[in-house]
N, C-alpha and C. Protein backbone atom coordinates (compact mmCIF):
# COMPACT_ATOMS: atom_id res chain seq x y z
N MET A 1 1.96 9.18 34.58
CA MET A 1 1.56 9.10 33.16
C MET A 1 2.69 9.62 32.28
N LYS A 2 2.99 8.88 31.21
CA LYS A 2 4.05 9.28 30.32
C LYS A 2 3.72 10.59 29.61
N LEU A 3 4.78 11.34 29.26
CA LEU A 3 4.59 12.65 28.65
C LEU A 3 3.84 12.56 27.33
N ASP A 4 4.14 11.52 26.50
CA ASP A 4 3.47 11.40 25.20
C ASP A 4 1.98 11.15 25.38
N LYS A 5 1.61 10.43 26.48
CA LYS A 5 0.20 10.19 26.73
C LYS A 5 -0.50 11.46 27.21
N ILE A 6 0.24 12.28 27.97
CA ILE A 6 -0.33 13.56 28.39
C ILE A 6 -0.63 14.42 27.18
N PHE A 7 0.33 14.47 26.24
CA PHE A 7 0.13 15.27 25.04
C PHE A 7 -1.03 14.74 24.19
N SER A 8 -1.27 13.42 24.22
CA SER A 8 -2.35 12.86 23.41
C SER A 8 -3.71 13.41 23.85
N PHE A 9 -3.82 13.79 25.14
CA PHE A 9 -5.08 14.35 25.62
C PHE A 9 -5.28 15.79 25.12
N LEU A 10 -4.19 16.42 24.70
CA LEU A 10 -4.25 17.82 24.27
C LEU A 10 -4.57 17.96 22.79
N VAL A 11 -4.62 16.84 22.07
CA VAL A 11 -4.90 16.90 20.63
C VAL A 11 -6.33 17.39 20.42
N PRO A 12 -6.53 18.37 19.53
CA PRO A 12 -7.89 18.86 19.27
C PRO A 12 -8.81 17.74 18.83
N LYS A 13 -10.03 17.76 19.31
CA LYS A 13 -10.98 16.69 19.01
C LYS A 13 -11.42 16.68 17.55
N ASP A 14 -11.31 17.83 16.89
CA ASP A 14 -11.75 17.90 15.50
C ASP A 14 -10.60 17.69 14.51
N THR A 15 -9.52 17.05 14.98
CA THR A 15 -8.38 16.82 14.10
C THR A 15 -8.81 16.08 12.83
N LYS A 16 -8.16 16.41 11.74
CA LYS A 16 -8.52 15.81 10.45
C LYS A 16 -7.63 14.62 10.10
N PHE A 17 -6.62 14.35 10.92
CA PHE A 17 -5.66 13.32 10.55
C PHE A 17 -6.31 11.95 10.34
N PHE A 18 -7.04 11.47 11.33
CA PHE A 18 -7.59 10.12 11.22
C PHE A 18 -8.62 9.98 10.11
N PRO A 19 -9.52 10.95 9.90
CA PRO A 19 -10.41 10.84 8.74
C PRO A 19 -9.65 10.81 7.41
N LEU A 20 -8.57 11.58 7.32
CA LEU A 20 -7.77 11.58 6.09
C LEU A 20 -7.00 10.28 5.93
N PHE A 21 -6.48 9.73 7.04
CA PHE A 21 -5.85 8.41 6.97
C PHE A 21 -6.85 7.38 6.48
N ASN A 22 -8.07 7.49 6.97
CA ASN A 22 -9.14 6.59 6.56
C ASN A 22 -9.38 6.69 5.05
N ASP A 23 -9.43 7.93 4.55
CA ASP A 23 -9.62 8.14 3.11
C ASP A 23 -8.47 7.52 2.31
N ALA A 24 -7.25 7.69 2.82
CA ALA A 24 -6.08 7.14 2.13
C ALA A 24 -6.14 5.61 2.10
N ALA A 25 -6.58 5.00 3.21
CA ALA A 25 -6.68 3.55 3.28
C ALA A 25 -7.75 3.02 2.32
N ASP A 26 -8.90 3.71 2.26
CA ASP A 26 -9.95 3.31 1.31
C ASP A 26 -9.43 3.39 -0.12
N ASN A 27 -8.61 4.40 -0.39
CA ASN A 27 -8.05 4.57 -1.73
C ASN A 27 -7.06 3.45 -2.06
N LEU A 28 -6.30 3.01 -1.06
CA LEU A 28 -5.39 1.88 -1.26
C LEU A 28 -6.15 0.64 -1.69
N VAL A 29 -7.24 0.36 -0.98
CA VAL A 29 -8.03 -0.83 -1.26
C VAL A 29 -8.63 -0.76 -2.66
N LEU A 30 -9.11 0.41 -3.04
CA LEU A 30 -9.66 0.57 -4.39
C LEU A 30 -8.59 0.33 -5.44
N ALA A 31 -7.40 0.85 -5.22
CA ALA A 31 -6.30 0.66 -6.18
C ALA A 31 -5.96 -0.82 -6.34
N SER A 32 -5.90 -1.55 -5.24
CA SER A 32 -5.54 -2.96 -5.33
C SER A 32 -6.67 -3.82 -5.87
N GLU A 33 -7.92 -3.40 -5.65
CA GLU A 33 -9.05 -4.10 -6.29
C GLU A 33 -8.94 -4.00 -7.81
N LEU A 34 -8.61 -2.82 -8.28
CA LEU A 34 -8.45 -2.62 -9.72
C LEU A 34 -7.24 -3.37 -10.26
N LEU A 35 -6.18 -3.45 -9.45
CA LEU A 35 -4.99 -4.19 -9.87
C LEU A 35 -5.33 -5.67 -10.09
N ILE A 36 -6.11 -6.25 -9.19
CA ILE A 36 -6.52 -7.64 -9.34
C ILE A 36 -7.30 -7.84 -10.64
N LYS A 37 -8.22 -6.93 -10.90
CA LYS A 37 -8.98 -7.02 -12.15
C LYS A 37 -8.06 -6.90 -13.36
N LEU A 38 -7.08 -6.03 -13.26
CA LEU A 38 -6.15 -5.80 -14.38
C LEU A 38 -5.33 -7.04 -14.70
N VAL A 39 -4.76 -7.69 -13.69
CA VAL A 39 -3.89 -8.83 -13.96
C VAL A 39 -4.68 -10.08 -14.35
N ARG A 40 -5.98 -10.06 -14.09
CA ARG A 40 -6.82 -11.19 -14.50
C ARG A 40 -7.43 -10.99 -15.89
N GLU A 41 -7.25 -9.80 -16.45
CA GLU A 41 -7.90 -9.45 -17.71
C GLU A 41 -7.00 -9.78 -18.91
N ARG A 42 -7.57 -10.43 -19.89
CA ARG A 42 -6.84 -10.76 -21.12
C ARG A 42 -7.08 -9.74 -22.23
N ASP A 43 -8.24 -9.11 -22.21
CA ASP A 43 -8.61 -8.16 -23.26
C ASP A 43 -7.82 -6.86 -23.11
N ILE A 44 -7.09 -6.48 -24.15
CA ILE A 44 -6.22 -5.30 -24.10
C ILE A 44 -7.03 -4.02 -23.86
N THR A 45 -8.19 -3.92 -24.51
CA THR A 45 -9.02 -2.73 -24.37
C THR A 45 -9.51 -2.57 -22.94
N GLN A 46 -9.94 -3.66 -22.34
CA GLN A 46 -10.42 -3.60 -20.96
C GLN A 46 -9.27 -3.32 -19.99
N ARG A 47 -8.10 -3.84 -20.32
CA ARG A 47 -6.93 -3.52 -19.49
C ARG A 47 -6.68 -2.02 -19.46
N LEU A 48 -6.81 -1.38 -20.61
CA LEU A 48 -6.61 0.05 -20.69
C LEU A 48 -7.60 0.78 -19.78
N GLU A 49 -8.83 0.32 -19.74
CA GLU A 49 -9.84 0.94 -18.89
C GLU A 49 -9.46 0.82 -17.42
N TYR A 50 -9.00 -0.36 -17.03
CA TYR A 50 -8.57 -0.54 -15.63
C TYR A 50 -7.35 0.33 -15.32
N ALA A 51 -6.42 0.41 -16.28
CA ALA A 51 -5.23 1.24 -16.08
C ALA A 51 -5.62 2.71 -15.90
N LYS A 52 -6.60 3.16 -16.68
CA LYS A 52 -7.07 4.55 -16.54
C LYS A 52 -7.70 4.77 -15.17
N GLN A 53 -8.47 3.79 -14.72
CA GLN A 53 -9.10 3.91 -13.40
C GLN A 53 -8.05 3.96 -12.29
N ILE A 54 -7.00 3.15 -12.43
CA ILE A 54 -5.93 3.18 -11.44
C ILE A 54 -5.23 4.53 -11.45
N LYS A 55 -5.05 5.09 -12.63
CA LYS A 55 -4.44 6.43 -12.73
C LYS A 55 -5.30 7.46 -12.00
N ASP A 56 -6.62 7.37 -12.15
CA ASP A 56 -7.52 8.29 -11.44
C ASP A 56 -7.39 8.11 -9.93
N VAL A 57 -7.31 6.86 -9.50
CA VAL A 57 -7.16 6.57 -8.07
C VAL A 57 -5.84 7.14 -7.55
N GLU A 58 -4.80 7.03 -8.36
CA GLU A 58 -3.49 7.58 -7.97
C GLU A 58 -3.57 9.09 -7.81
N HIS A 59 -4.31 9.77 -8.68
CA HIS A 59 -4.48 11.22 -8.55
C HIS A 59 -5.25 11.57 -7.28
N ILE A 60 -6.26 10.77 -6.96
CA ILE A 60 -7.01 10.98 -5.72
C ILE A 60 -6.07 10.81 -4.52
N GLY A 61 -5.23 9.78 -4.59
CA GLY A 61 -4.26 9.55 -3.51
C GLY A 61 -3.31 10.71 -3.35
N ASP A 62 -2.88 11.31 -4.46
CA ASP A 62 -1.99 12.48 -4.39
C ASP A 62 -2.67 13.63 -3.67
N ASN A 63 -3.96 13.82 -3.94
CA ASN A 63 -4.71 14.90 -3.28
C ASN A 63 -4.85 14.64 -1.78
N ILE A 64 -5.10 13.38 -1.42
CA ILE A 64 -5.21 13.03 0.00
C ILE A 64 -3.86 13.26 0.69
N THR A 65 -2.79 12.85 0.02
CA THR A 65 -1.44 13.06 0.56
C THR A 65 -1.16 14.54 0.76
N LYS A 66 -1.52 15.35 -0.23
CA LYS A 66 -1.32 16.79 -0.12
C LYS A 66 -2.08 17.37 1.07
N ASN A 67 -3.33 16.93 1.24
CA ASN A 67 -4.14 17.42 2.36
C ASN A 67 -3.55 17.00 3.70
N LEU A 68 -3.05 15.77 3.76
CA LEU A 68 -2.43 15.30 5.00
C LEU A 68 -1.16 16.09 5.33
N LEU A 69 -0.34 16.35 4.31
CA LEU A 69 0.88 17.12 4.54
C LEU A 69 0.57 18.55 4.94
N ASN A 70 -0.47 19.13 4.33
CA ASN A 70 -0.90 20.48 4.73
C ASN A 70 -1.37 20.49 6.18
N GLU A 71 -2.10 19.44 6.56
CA GLU A 71 -2.56 19.32 7.94
C GLU A 71 -1.38 19.18 8.89
N LEU A 72 -0.40 18.38 8.49
CA LEU A 72 0.78 18.18 9.32
C LEU A 72 1.56 19.47 9.50
N ASN A 73 1.74 20.21 8.40
CA ASN A 73 2.51 21.45 8.45
C ASN A 73 1.77 22.58 9.17
N GLY A 74 0.44 22.48 9.22
CA GLY A 74 -0.35 23.56 9.82
C GLY A 74 -0.84 23.29 11.22
N THR A 75 -0.43 22.13 11.80
CA THR A 75 -0.91 21.74 13.11
C THR A 75 0.25 21.69 14.10
N PHE A 76 0.08 22.36 15.25
CA PHE A 76 1.15 22.41 16.25
C PHE A 76 1.20 21.10 17.04
N ILE A 77 0.03 20.64 17.50
CA ILE A 77 -0.05 19.39 18.26
C ILE A 77 -0.64 18.32 17.37
N THR A 78 0.10 17.22 17.20
CA THR A 78 -0.33 16.13 16.32
C THR A 78 -0.71 14.90 17.16
N PRO A 79 -1.53 14.00 16.63
CA PRO A 79 -1.99 12.85 17.41
C PRO A 79 -0.88 11.87 17.79
N PHE A 80 0.20 11.84 17.02
CA PHE A 80 1.40 11.11 17.40
C PHE A 80 2.59 11.75 16.70
N ASP A 81 3.76 11.18 16.91
CA ASP A 81 5.01 11.80 16.47
C ASP A 81 4.96 12.26 15.01
N ARG A 82 5.42 13.48 14.77
CA ARG A 82 5.35 14.05 13.43
C ARG A 82 6.12 13.23 12.41
N GLU A 83 7.26 12.69 12.82
CA GLU A 83 8.06 11.88 11.89
C GLU A 83 7.31 10.62 11.49
N ASP A 84 6.61 10.00 12.46
CA ASP A 84 5.82 8.80 12.15
C ASP A 84 4.66 9.12 11.22
N ILE A 85 4.03 10.26 11.45
CA ILE A 85 2.93 10.69 10.57
C ILE A 85 3.45 10.89 9.15
N HIS A 86 4.59 11.56 9.05
CA HIS A 86 5.17 11.83 7.73
C HIS A 86 5.52 10.53 7.02
N GLU A 87 6.10 9.57 7.75
CA GLU A 87 6.43 8.28 7.16
C GLU A 87 5.18 7.52 6.74
N LEU A 88 4.15 7.57 7.56
CA LEU A 88 2.90 6.89 7.22
C LEU A 88 2.29 7.48 5.97
N ILE A 89 2.24 8.80 5.88
CA ILE A 89 1.69 9.48 4.71
C ILE A 89 2.44 9.05 3.45
N ASN A 90 3.76 9.13 3.50
CA ASN A 90 4.57 8.85 2.31
C ASN A 90 4.50 7.39 1.88
N ASN A 91 4.51 6.48 2.85
CA ASN A 91 4.47 5.05 2.49
C ASN A 91 3.12 4.65 1.92
N MET A 92 2.04 5.20 2.44
CA MET A 92 0.72 4.91 1.87
C MET A 92 0.63 5.45 0.45
N ASP A 93 1.19 6.62 0.24
CA ASP A 93 1.21 7.20 -1.11
C ASP A 93 2.05 6.35 -2.05
N ASP A 94 3.16 5.83 -1.54
CA ASP A 94 4.06 5.00 -2.36
C ASP A 94 3.37 3.71 -2.81
N ILE A 95 2.52 3.13 -1.94
CA ILE A 95 1.82 1.90 -2.33
C ILE A 95 1.01 2.13 -3.60
N VAL A 96 0.24 3.21 -3.60
CA VAL A 96 -0.59 3.52 -4.77
C VAL A 96 0.30 3.85 -5.97
N ASP A 97 1.40 4.55 -5.73
CA ASP A 97 2.30 4.89 -6.82
C ASP A 97 2.86 3.64 -7.50
N TYR A 98 3.24 2.64 -6.71
CA TYR A 98 3.78 1.41 -7.29
C TYR A 98 2.70 0.59 -8.00
N ILE A 99 1.48 0.60 -7.46
CA ILE A 99 0.38 -0.05 -8.17
C ILE A 99 0.15 0.63 -9.51
N HIS A 100 0.19 1.95 -9.51
CA HIS A 100 0.03 2.72 -10.75
C HIS A 100 1.17 2.41 -11.73
N ALA A 101 2.39 2.36 -11.20
CA ALA A 101 3.54 2.06 -12.07
C ALA A 101 3.41 0.67 -12.68
N ALA A 102 2.96 -0.30 -11.89
CA ALA A 102 2.75 -1.65 -12.42
C ALA A 102 1.68 -1.66 -13.49
N SER A 103 0.61 -0.90 -13.27
CA SER A 103 -0.48 -0.86 -14.26
C SER A 103 0.00 -0.26 -15.57
N LYS A 104 0.86 0.74 -15.51
CA LYS A 104 1.40 1.34 -16.74
C LYS A 104 2.26 0.34 -17.50
N ARG A 105 3.08 -0.40 -16.79
CA ARG A 105 3.91 -1.40 -17.44
C ARG A 105 3.04 -2.49 -18.07
N ILE A 106 2.03 -2.91 -17.34
CA ILE A 106 1.12 -3.94 -17.86
C ILE A 106 0.45 -3.46 -19.15
N HIS A 107 0.03 -2.19 -19.15
CA HIS A 107 -0.63 -1.64 -20.34
C HIS A 107 0.33 -1.53 -21.52
N PHE A 108 1.49 -0.94 -21.28
CA PHE A 108 2.40 -0.66 -22.39
C PHE A 108 3.11 -1.92 -22.91
N TYR A 109 3.34 -2.90 -22.03
CA TYR A 109 4.05 -4.10 -22.47
C TYR A 109 3.16 -5.05 -23.26
N LYS A 110 1.84 -4.97 -23.03
CA LYS A 110 0.86 -5.73 -23.82
C LYS A 110 1.17 -7.23 -23.89
N LEU A 111 1.47 -7.82 -22.75
CA LEU A 111 1.62 -9.27 -22.70
C LEU A 111 0.26 -9.92 -22.96
N THR A 112 0.27 -11.05 -23.63
CA THR A 112 -1.01 -11.70 -23.96
C THR A 112 -1.68 -12.28 -22.73
N SER A 113 -0.88 -12.71 -21.76
CA SER A 113 -1.42 -13.23 -20.50
C SER A 113 -0.36 -13.04 -19.42
N PHE A 114 -0.80 -13.22 -18.17
CA PHE A 114 0.12 -13.02 -17.05
C PHE A 114 0.32 -14.32 -16.29
N PRO A 115 1.51 -14.51 -15.75
CA PRO A 115 1.76 -15.69 -14.94
C PRO A 115 0.83 -15.71 -13.72
N GLU A 116 0.52 -16.88 -13.25
CA GLU A 116 -0.34 -17.01 -12.08
C GLU A 116 0.27 -16.30 -10.87
N GLU A 117 1.59 -16.23 -10.83
CA GLU A 117 2.28 -15.57 -9.72
C GLU A 117 1.90 -14.10 -9.60
N PHE A 118 1.66 -13.44 -10.75
CA PHE A 118 1.26 -12.03 -10.71
C PHE A 118 -0.08 -11.88 -10.00
N ILE A 119 -0.98 -12.81 -10.27
CA ILE A 119 -2.31 -12.79 -9.65
C ILE A 119 -2.18 -13.05 -8.16
N TRP A 120 -1.32 -14.01 -7.77
CA TRP A 120 -1.12 -14.29 -6.36
C TRP A 120 -0.59 -13.05 -5.63
N ILE A 121 0.38 -12.37 -6.25
CA ILE A 121 0.97 -11.20 -5.61
C ILE A 121 -0.06 -10.07 -5.50
N ALA A 122 -0.83 -9.86 -6.56
CA ALA A 122 -1.87 -8.82 -6.53
C ALA A 122 -2.88 -9.11 -5.42
N ASP A 123 -3.24 -10.38 -5.25
CA ASP A 123 -4.17 -10.77 -4.18
C ASP A 123 -3.60 -10.43 -2.81
N ARG A 124 -2.31 -10.66 -2.62
CA ARG A 124 -1.70 -10.40 -1.32
C ARG A 124 -1.50 -8.91 -1.07
N ILE A 125 -1.24 -8.15 -2.11
CA ILE A 125 -1.20 -6.68 -1.97
C ILE A 125 -2.55 -6.19 -1.51
N HIS A 126 -3.60 -6.73 -2.13
CA HIS A 126 -4.96 -6.33 -1.74
C HIS A 126 -5.26 -6.75 -0.29
N SER A 127 -4.86 -7.94 0.09
CA SER A 127 -5.09 -8.40 1.46
C SER A 127 -4.36 -7.52 2.47
N ALA A 128 -3.13 -7.13 2.14
CA ALA A 128 -2.38 -6.25 3.03
C ALA A 128 -3.05 -4.89 3.14
N ASN A 129 -3.53 -4.38 2.02
CA ASN A 129 -4.23 -3.09 2.04
C ASN A 129 -5.52 -3.16 2.85
N LYS A 130 -6.19 -4.30 2.81
CA LYS A 130 -7.39 -4.49 3.61
C LYS A 130 -7.07 -4.44 5.10
N GLU A 131 -5.91 -5.00 5.48
CA GLU A 131 -5.50 -4.94 6.88
C GLU A 131 -5.18 -3.50 7.29
N ILE A 132 -4.52 -2.76 6.41
CA ILE A 132 -4.25 -1.34 6.68
C ILE A 132 -5.57 -0.59 6.86
N GLN A 133 -6.52 -0.88 6.00
CA GLN A 133 -7.84 -0.26 6.08
C GLN A 133 -8.53 -0.63 7.40
N ASN A 134 -8.45 -1.89 7.80
CA ASN A 134 -9.06 -2.33 9.04
C ASN A 134 -8.53 -1.54 10.24
N VAL A 135 -7.22 -1.30 10.23
CA VAL A 135 -6.61 -0.54 11.32
C VAL A 135 -7.10 0.91 11.31
N LEU A 136 -6.95 1.56 10.18
CA LEU A 136 -7.20 3.01 10.13
C LEU A 136 -8.68 3.35 10.21
N ARG A 137 -9.55 2.40 9.90
CA ARG A 137 -10.98 2.66 10.04
C ARG A 137 -11.41 2.72 11.50
N SER A 138 -10.66 2.08 12.38
CA SER A 138 -11.10 1.94 13.76
C SER A 138 -10.30 2.76 14.76
N VAL A 139 -9.17 3.33 14.35
CA VAL A 139 -8.39 4.11 15.31
C VAL A 139 -8.91 5.54 15.40
N ARG A 140 -9.03 6.02 16.64
CA ARG A 140 -9.44 7.40 16.89
C ARG A 140 -8.40 8.14 17.70
N SER A 141 -7.43 7.38 18.21
CA SER A 141 -6.29 7.95 18.92
C SER A 141 -5.13 6.99 18.76
N VAL A 142 -3.94 7.45 19.10
CA VAL A 142 -2.75 6.62 18.90
C VAL A 142 -2.81 5.35 19.75
N ASN A 143 -3.50 5.40 20.88
CA ASN A 143 -3.59 4.23 21.74
C ASN A 143 -4.37 3.09 21.09
N ASP A 144 -5.24 3.42 20.14
CA ASP A 144 -6.05 2.39 19.48
C ASP A 144 -5.23 1.44 18.63
N PHE A 145 -4.01 1.86 18.27
CA PHE A 145 -3.16 0.97 17.46
C PHE A 145 -2.83 -0.32 18.20
N LYS A 146 -2.88 -0.27 19.54
CA LYS A 146 -2.56 -1.46 20.34
C LYS A 146 -3.53 -2.61 20.06
N LYS A 147 -4.72 -2.28 19.61
CA LYS A 147 -5.75 -3.29 19.37
C LYS A 147 -5.52 -4.07 18.08
N HIS A 148 -4.53 -3.66 17.30
CA HIS A 148 -4.40 -4.21 15.95
C HIS A 148 -3.03 -4.84 15.68
N VAL A 149 -2.44 -5.38 16.73
CA VAL A 149 -1.14 -6.06 16.55
C VAL A 149 -1.27 -7.21 15.55
N ASN A 150 -2.40 -7.92 15.59
CA ASN A 150 -2.61 -9.05 14.68
C ASN A 150 -2.64 -8.60 13.23
N CYS A 151 -3.17 -7.41 12.97
CA CYS A 151 -3.18 -6.88 11.59
C CYS A 151 -1.76 -6.64 11.10
N CYS A 152 -0.90 -6.11 11.98
CA CYS A 152 0.49 -5.88 11.61
C CYS A 152 1.18 -7.20 11.29
N GLU A 153 0.88 -8.22 12.08
CA GLU A 153 1.48 -9.54 11.84
C GLU A 153 1.03 -10.11 10.50
N LYS A 154 -0.25 -9.91 10.17
CA LYS A 154 -0.77 -10.42 8.90
C LYS A 154 -0.10 -9.71 7.72
N ILE A 155 0.07 -8.40 7.82
CA ILE A 155 0.73 -7.65 6.75
C ILE A 155 2.14 -8.18 6.53
N SER A 156 2.85 -8.44 7.63
CA SER A 156 4.21 -8.99 7.53
C SER A 156 4.20 -10.37 6.88
N GLU A 157 3.20 -11.17 7.20
CA GLU A 157 3.09 -12.50 6.60
C GLU A 157 2.84 -12.41 5.10
N PHE A 158 1.98 -11.49 4.68
CA PHE A 158 1.72 -11.31 3.26
C PHE A 158 2.99 -10.90 2.52
N GLU A 159 3.77 -10.00 3.14
CA GLU A 159 5.02 -9.56 2.52
C GLU A 159 6.00 -10.72 2.38
N SER A 160 6.06 -11.58 3.41
CA SER A 160 6.96 -12.73 3.37
C SER A 160 6.54 -13.71 2.29
N GLU A 161 5.24 -13.92 2.14
CA GLU A 161 4.73 -14.81 1.10
C GLU A 161 5.10 -14.28 -0.28
N VAL A 162 4.94 -12.98 -0.47
CA VAL A 162 5.27 -12.38 -1.77
C VAL A 162 6.77 -12.49 -2.04
N ASP A 163 7.58 -12.30 -1.02
CA ASP A 163 9.02 -12.42 -1.20
C ASP A 163 9.39 -13.82 -1.69
N ASP A 164 8.74 -14.84 -1.12
CA ASP A 164 8.99 -16.22 -1.56
C ASP A 164 8.53 -16.42 -3.01
N ILE A 165 7.33 -15.92 -3.31
CA ILE A 165 6.80 -16.04 -4.67
C ILE A 165 7.72 -15.33 -5.66
N TYR A 166 8.17 -14.15 -5.27
CA TYR A 166 9.05 -13.34 -6.13
C TYR A 166 10.34 -14.09 -6.45
N GLN A 167 10.99 -14.63 -5.43
CA GLN A 167 12.27 -15.31 -5.63
C GLN A 167 12.09 -16.57 -6.47
N GLU A 168 11.04 -17.35 -6.18
CA GLU A 168 10.81 -18.59 -6.91
C GLU A 168 10.45 -18.32 -8.37
N TYR A 169 9.60 -17.32 -8.59
CA TYR A 169 9.19 -17.05 -9.97
C TYR A 169 10.36 -16.46 -10.77
N LEU A 170 11.14 -15.60 -10.14
CA LEU A 170 12.28 -15.00 -10.85
C LEU A 170 13.26 -16.08 -11.30
N SER A 171 13.49 -17.03 -10.43
CA SER A 171 14.37 -18.15 -10.78
C SER A 171 13.78 -18.94 -11.96
N LYS A 172 12.49 -19.23 -11.88
CA LYS A 172 11.82 -19.97 -12.96
C LYS A 172 11.83 -19.19 -14.26
N LEU A 173 11.65 -17.87 -14.14
CA LEU A 173 11.61 -17.01 -15.33
C LEU A 173 12.92 -17.09 -16.10
N PHE A 174 14.05 -17.00 -15.39
CA PHE A 174 15.35 -17.03 -16.06
C PHE A 174 15.67 -18.42 -16.61
N GLU A 175 15.07 -19.44 -16.04
CA GLU A 175 15.31 -20.80 -16.53
C GLU A 175 14.46 -21.14 -17.75
N GLN A 176 13.21 -20.64 -17.78
CA GLN A 176 12.25 -21.13 -18.76
C GLN A 176 11.89 -20.14 -19.86
N GLU A 177 12.02 -18.84 -19.62
CA GLU A 177 11.61 -17.86 -20.63
C GLU A 177 12.67 -17.75 -21.72
N VAL A 178 12.29 -18.09 -22.94
CA VAL A 178 13.25 -18.08 -24.04
C VAL A 178 13.24 -16.75 -24.79
N ASN A 179 12.18 -15.96 -24.62
CA ASN A 179 12.08 -14.67 -25.27
C ASN A 179 12.64 -13.60 -24.33
N ALA A 180 13.78 -13.02 -24.71
CA ALA A 180 14.47 -12.08 -23.84
C ALA A 180 13.63 -10.83 -23.54
N ILE A 181 12.88 -10.38 -24.54
CA ILE A 181 12.06 -9.17 -24.35
C ILE A 181 10.93 -9.46 -23.35
N ASP A 182 10.28 -10.60 -23.51
CA ASP A 182 9.22 -10.98 -22.56
C ASP A 182 9.79 -11.17 -21.16
N LEU A 183 11.00 -11.69 -21.07
CA LEU A 183 11.64 -11.86 -19.77
C LEU A 183 11.79 -10.51 -19.07
N ILE A 184 12.27 -9.53 -19.81
CA ILE A 184 12.47 -8.19 -19.23
C ILE A 184 11.14 -7.58 -18.81
N LYS A 185 10.12 -7.74 -19.65
CA LYS A 185 8.80 -7.19 -19.34
C LYS A 185 8.24 -7.80 -18.06
N LYS A 186 8.29 -9.12 -17.98
CA LYS A 186 7.74 -9.80 -16.82
C LYS A 186 8.53 -9.47 -15.56
N ARG A 187 9.85 -9.38 -15.69
CA ARG A 187 10.68 -9.04 -14.53
C ARG A 187 10.36 -7.63 -14.03
N ASP A 188 10.17 -6.68 -14.95
CA ASP A 188 9.87 -5.30 -14.56
C ASP A 188 8.54 -5.21 -13.81
N ILE A 189 7.53 -5.90 -14.33
CA ILE A 189 6.22 -5.88 -13.67
C ILE A 189 6.32 -6.54 -12.30
N LEU A 190 6.99 -7.68 -12.26
CA LEU A 190 7.15 -8.41 -11.01
C LEU A 190 7.85 -7.56 -9.95
N THR A 191 8.92 -6.90 -10.33
CA THR A 191 9.68 -6.08 -9.39
C THR A 191 8.85 -4.93 -8.85
N THR A 192 8.05 -4.32 -9.71
CA THR A 192 7.20 -3.20 -9.27
C THR A 192 6.13 -3.68 -8.29
N LEU A 193 5.55 -4.83 -8.57
CA LEU A 193 4.56 -5.39 -7.64
C LEU A 193 5.20 -5.71 -6.30
N GLU A 194 6.41 -6.22 -6.34
CA GLU A 194 7.11 -6.57 -5.10
C GLU A 194 7.40 -5.32 -4.27
N LYS A 195 7.69 -4.22 -4.93
CA LYS A 195 7.93 -2.96 -4.22
C LYS A 195 6.66 -2.46 -3.54
N ALA A 196 5.51 -2.72 -4.17
CA ALA A 196 4.23 -2.29 -3.59
C ALA A 196 3.98 -3.01 -2.26
N ILE A 197 4.20 -4.33 -2.22
CA ILE A 197 3.97 -5.07 -0.97
C ILE A 197 5.01 -4.69 0.08
N ASP A 198 6.22 -4.34 -0.34
CA ASP A 198 7.23 -3.87 0.61
C ASP A 198 6.75 -2.62 1.32
N LYS A 199 6.10 -1.73 0.58
CA LYS A 199 5.58 -0.50 1.18
C LYS A 199 4.41 -0.79 2.13
N CYS A 200 3.61 -1.81 1.79
CA CYS A 200 2.56 -2.23 2.72
C CYS A 200 3.19 -2.66 4.04
N ASP A 201 4.28 -3.42 3.95
CA ASP A 201 4.97 -3.88 5.15
C ASP A 201 5.54 -2.71 5.93
N ASP A 202 6.03 -1.70 5.23
CA ASP A 202 6.54 -0.49 5.90
C ASP A 202 5.44 0.18 6.71
N VAL A 203 4.23 0.22 6.16
CA VAL A 203 3.10 0.80 6.89
C VAL A 203 2.81 -0.03 8.14
N GLY A 204 2.80 -1.36 7.98
CA GLY A 204 2.59 -2.23 9.13
C GLY A 204 3.66 -2.03 10.20
N ASN A 205 4.89 -1.80 9.78
CA ASN A 205 5.98 -1.57 10.73
C ASN A 205 5.79 -0.26 11.49
N ILE A 206 5.22 0.74 10.82
CA ILE A 206 4.93 2.01 11.50
C ILE A 206 3.87 1.78 12.57
N PHE A 207 2.84 1.02 12.23
CA PHE A 207 1.81 0.69 13.22
C PHE A 207 2.44 -0.01 14.42
N SER A 208 3.31 -0.99 14.15
CA SER A 208 3.96 -1.74 15.23
C SER A 208 4.84 -0.84 16.08
N SER A 209 5.53 0.10 15.43
CA SER A 209 6.37 1.03 16.16
C SER A 209 5.55 1.92 17.09
N LEU A 210 4.38 2.32 16.63
CA LEU A 210 3.50 3.15 17.47
C LEU A 210 3.00 2.37 18.68
N VAL A 211 2.74 1.08 18.49
CA VAL A 211 2.33 0.24 19.61
C VAL A 211 3.43 0.19 20.67
N VAL A 212 4.68 0.02 20.23
CA VAL A 212 5.80 -0.05 21.15
C VAL A 212 5.98 1.29 21.88
N LYS A 213 5.89 2.38 21.14
CA LYS A 213 6.08 3.70 21.73
C LYS A 213 5.02 4.03 22.78
N MET A 214 3.79 3.53 22.55
CA MET A 214 2.70 3.84 23.47
C MET A 214 2.52 2.75 24.53
N GLY A 215 3.40 1.73 24.51
CA GLY A 215 3.23 0.58 25.38
C GLY A 215 3.50 0.85 26.85
């Protein structure tokens, strides 16, 4: 038996890591649900309400991240490699941070409407977060990640789709947008959304790495 598998048996049964990961994943899904509502909303007042809700979700995510880091720093034996746990914590937090950053830009820039591409990207961010949630809801040990290789593949596919949408829309934006200020606004929002899906892919890569390490 490999040494890492031997250590996995020594992990305390009452560890808080997986329940906290679960909380973080649920928070990701809530943030992206609100993001979809935000980019579909034309009313400025209602947009502000969604932006406020996303800000609240971001604060909840910060608290979950803090609790996870405290758990990591206060625990001698962890369910898997400490560096991987730290990367997972930070990347999940970054997803919510980028969703929050996009919501702030959407609120302050006050565009009258959003390109369909923004809605497509928001949908794929949400789909990727749902896959992250599917994984973390069902894992109780590091070996359980092996059951979710298909989820990792789906997250990667969503990221690739967004990358294509991003490149195509950016090209179209520079060709067709005659208002320089609107161009900058749309580009800023687009770039922030693209960073959010990149972080989803980073989480999927961590899952895939754990599968390889435990293989």
